C-alpha atoms as a PDB file:
ATOM      1  CA  MET A   1     -82.620 -37.626 157.949  1.00  0.00           C
ATOM      2  CA  ALA A   2     -78.666 -38.495 157.805  1.00  0.00           C
ATOM      3  CA  GLU A   3     -77.080 -39.870 160.781  1.00  0.00           C
ATOM      4  CA  ASN A   4     -75.592 -36.630 161.893  1.00  0.00           C
ATOM      5  CA  GLU A   5     -78.569 -34.169 161.401  1.00  0.00           C
ATOM      6  CA  ASP A   6     -80.264 -34.537 164.931  1.00  0.00           C
ATOM      7  CA  HIS A   7     -78.059 -32.077 166.356  1.00  0.00           C
ATOM      8  CA  LEU A   8     -77.746 -28.334 165.182  1.00  0.00           C
ATOM      9  CA  GLY A   9     -79.220 -28.833 162.102  1.00  0.00           C
ATOM     10  CA  GLY A  10     -76.482 -31.239 160.994  1.00  0.00           C
ATOM     11  CA  PHE A  11     -73.458 -28.978 161.626  1.00  0.00           C
ATOM     12  CA  PRO A  12     -70.594 -30.155 164.018  1.00  0.00           C
ATOM     13  CA  VAL A  13     -70.251 -28.191 167.230  1.00  0.00           C
ATOM     14  CA  ARG A  14     -66.935 -26.595 167.894  1.00  0.00           C
ATOM     15  CA  VAL A  15     -65.119 -27.669 170.978  1.00  0.00           C
ATOM     16  CA  ASP A  16     -62.542 -25.800 172.981  1.00  0.00           C
ATOM     17  CA  ILE A  17     -61.478 -27.758 175.906  1.00  0.00           C
ATOM     18  CA  LYS A  18     -59.236 -26.112 178.389  1.00  0.00           C
ATOM     19  CA  GLY A  19     -57.044 -27.802 180.886  1.00  0.00           C
ATOM     20  CA  ASP A  20     -54.668 -26.652 183.772  1.00  0.00           C
ATOM     21  CA  SER A  21     -52.037 -29.339 182.919  1.00  0.00           C
ATOM     22  CA  SER A  22     -50.186 -28.483 179.793  1.00  0.00           C
ATOM     23  CA  LEU A  23     -48.360 -32.274 180.148  1.00  0.00           C
ATOM     24  CA  VAL A  24     -52.155 -33.921 179.585  1.00  0.00           C
ATOM     25  CA  CYS A  25     -53.155 -31.620 177.094  1.00  0.00           C
ATOM     26  CA  SER A  26     -50.278 -32.861 175.141  1.00  0.00           C
ATOM     27  CA  TRP A  27     -50.945 -36.229 175.964  1.00  0.00           C
ATOM     28  CA  VAL A  28     -54.650 -35.920 174.535  1.00  0.00           C
ATOM     29  CA  ASN A  29     -53.469 -33.951 171.412  1.00  0.00           C
ATOM     30  CA  GLY A  30     -50.664 -36.387 170.597  1.00  0.00           C
ATOM     31  CA  THR A  31     -47.942 -34.083 170.866  1.00  0.00           C
ATOM     32  CA  CYS A  32     -45.995 -35.596 173.722  1.00  0.00           C
ATOM     33  CA  TRP A  33     -45.349 -39.092 174.370  1.00  0.00           C
ATOM     34  CA  ASN A  34     -47.217 -40.530 177.619  1.00  0.00           C
ATOM     35  CA  ARG A  35     -45.400 -42.925 179.464  1.00  0.00           C
ATOM     36  CA  ARG A  36     -47.746 -43.243 182.411  1.00  0.00           C
ATOM     37  CA  LYS A  37     -48.654 -46.420 181.741  1.00  0.00           C
ATOM     38  CA  ASP A  38     -51.367 -46.331 184.442  1.00  0.00           C
ATOM     39  CA  LEU A  39     -53.084 -43.258 182.179  1.00  0.00           C
ATOM     40  CA  VAL A  40     -52.368 -44.788 178.799  1.00  0.00           C
ATOM     41  CA  MET A  41     -55.847 -46.518 178.538  1.00  0.00           C
ATOM     42  CA  LEU A  42     -57.784 -43.570 179.753  1.00  0.00           C
ATOM     43  CA  VAL A  43     -55.678 -41.469 177.325  1.00  0.00           C
ATOM     44  CA  SER A  44     -56.578 -43.526 174.384  1.00  0.00           C
ATOM     45  CA  VAL A  45     -60.011 -43.968 175.315  1.00  0.00           C
ATOM     46  CA  VAL A  46     -60.433 -39.626 175.355  1.00  0.00           C
ATOM     47  CA  GLN A  47     -58.532 -39.429 172.358  1.00  0.00           C
ATOM     48  CA  ARG A  48     -60.971 -42.480 170.623  1.00  0.00           C
ATOM     49  CA  ASN A  49     -64.077 -40.624 171.729  1.00  0.00           C
ATOM     50  CA  LEU A  50     -62.993 -37.400 169.990  1.00  0.00           C
ATOM     51  CA  TYR A  51     -62.004 -39.136 167.041  1.00  0.00           C
ATOM     52  CA  ASP A  52     -65.120 -40.882 166.855  1.00  0.00           C
ATOM     53  CA  ALA A  53     -66.958 -37.866 167.266  1.00  0.00           C
ATOM     54  CA  TRP A  54     -65.387 -35.628 164.816  1.00  0.00           C
ATOM     55  CA  ASN A  55     -65.367 -38.770 162.330  1.00  0.00           C
ATOM     56  CA  SER A  56     -69.195 -38.766 162.509  1.00  0.00           C
ATOM     57  CA  GLY A  57     -69.556 -35.150 161.786  1.00  0.00           C
ATOM     58  CA  LEU A  58     -70.528 -34.511 165.547  1.00  0.00           C
ATOM     59  CA  LEU A  59     -67.491 -32.424 166.775  1.00  0.00           C
ATOM     60  CA  MET A  60     -64.594 -30.233 165.366  1.00  0.00           C
ATOM     61  CA  THR A  61     -61.763 -28.348 167.151  1.00  0.00           C
ATOM     62  CA  ALA A  62     -62.718 -24.891 168.104  1.00  0.00           C
ATOM     63  CA  GLU A  63     -60.269 -23.632 165.145  1.00  0.00           C
ATOM     64  CA  GLN A  64     -59.874 -25.115 162.090  1.00  0.00           C
ATOM     65  CA  GLY A  65     -56.875 -27.453 162.241  1.00  0.00           C
ATOM     66  CA  GLY A  66     -56.444 -26.759 166.121  1.00  0.00           C
ATOM     67  CA  GLN A  67     -55.960 -28.840 169.217  1.00  0.00           C
ATOM     68  CA  TRP A  68     -58.389 -30.648 170.938  1.00  0.00           C
ATOM     69  CA  LEU A  69     -57.358 -29.208 174.271  1.00  0.00           C
ATOM     70  CA  ARG A  70     -55.745 -26.180 175.036  1.00  0.00           C
ATOM     71  CA  HIS A  71     -53.764 -25.245 178.524  1.00  0.00           C
ATOM     72  CA  THR A  72     -54.544 -22.662 180.618  1.00  0.00           C
ATOM     73  CA  PHE A  73     -52.504 -21.669 183.491  1.00  0.00           C
ATOM     74  CA  ARG A  74     -54.116 -22.023 186.928  1.00  0.00           C
ATOM     75  CA  GLU A  75     -53.108 -18.897 188.040  1.00  0.00           C
ATOM     76  CA  ASN A  76     -55.271 -16.998 185.110  1.00  0.00           C
ATOM     77  CA  SER A  77     -58.253 -19.117 186.133  1.00  0.00           C
ATOM     78  CA  LYS A  78     -60.743 -17.982 188.648  1.00  0.00           C
ATOM     79  CA  LYS A  79     -62.362 -21.312 188.422  1.00  0.00           C
ATOM     80  CA  SER A  80     -59.460 -23.312 189.295  1.00  0.00           C
ATOM     81  CA  ARG A  81     -58.300 -20.818 192.135  1.00  0.00           C
ATOM     82  CA  ARG A  82     -61.523 -21.133 193.659  1.00  0.00           C
ATOM     83  CA  SER A  83     -61.042 -25.342 193.903  1.00  0.00           C
ATOM     84  CA  CYS A  84     -57.953 -25.308 195.381  1.00  0.00           C
END
C-alpha cells in the first residue's frame, strides 16, 4: 500500500478553511507580507504543515488552484456572532 492510501482510498481530502481575519488569511495564503515578528513563526508552521500535507497527497484546496484559507465576514457568520 502506498504511503497515502490509508485515507479515503488514497484520494486527497479537499479542505476549505474559513477565517474572519482577512489579514491572517492573506498571511497563510502568502498573498500579503507578514510584518508581525511575533507571528512569523506561527504562520510559517501553518504554511509548512499545509504544504507537507499537500505534497504528500493528503490534502488539496477546495477548488483546483485555490487558496488554503478564505475570508468570511464576521457579520455573516452565525458561529462567530455567538462567540463574541
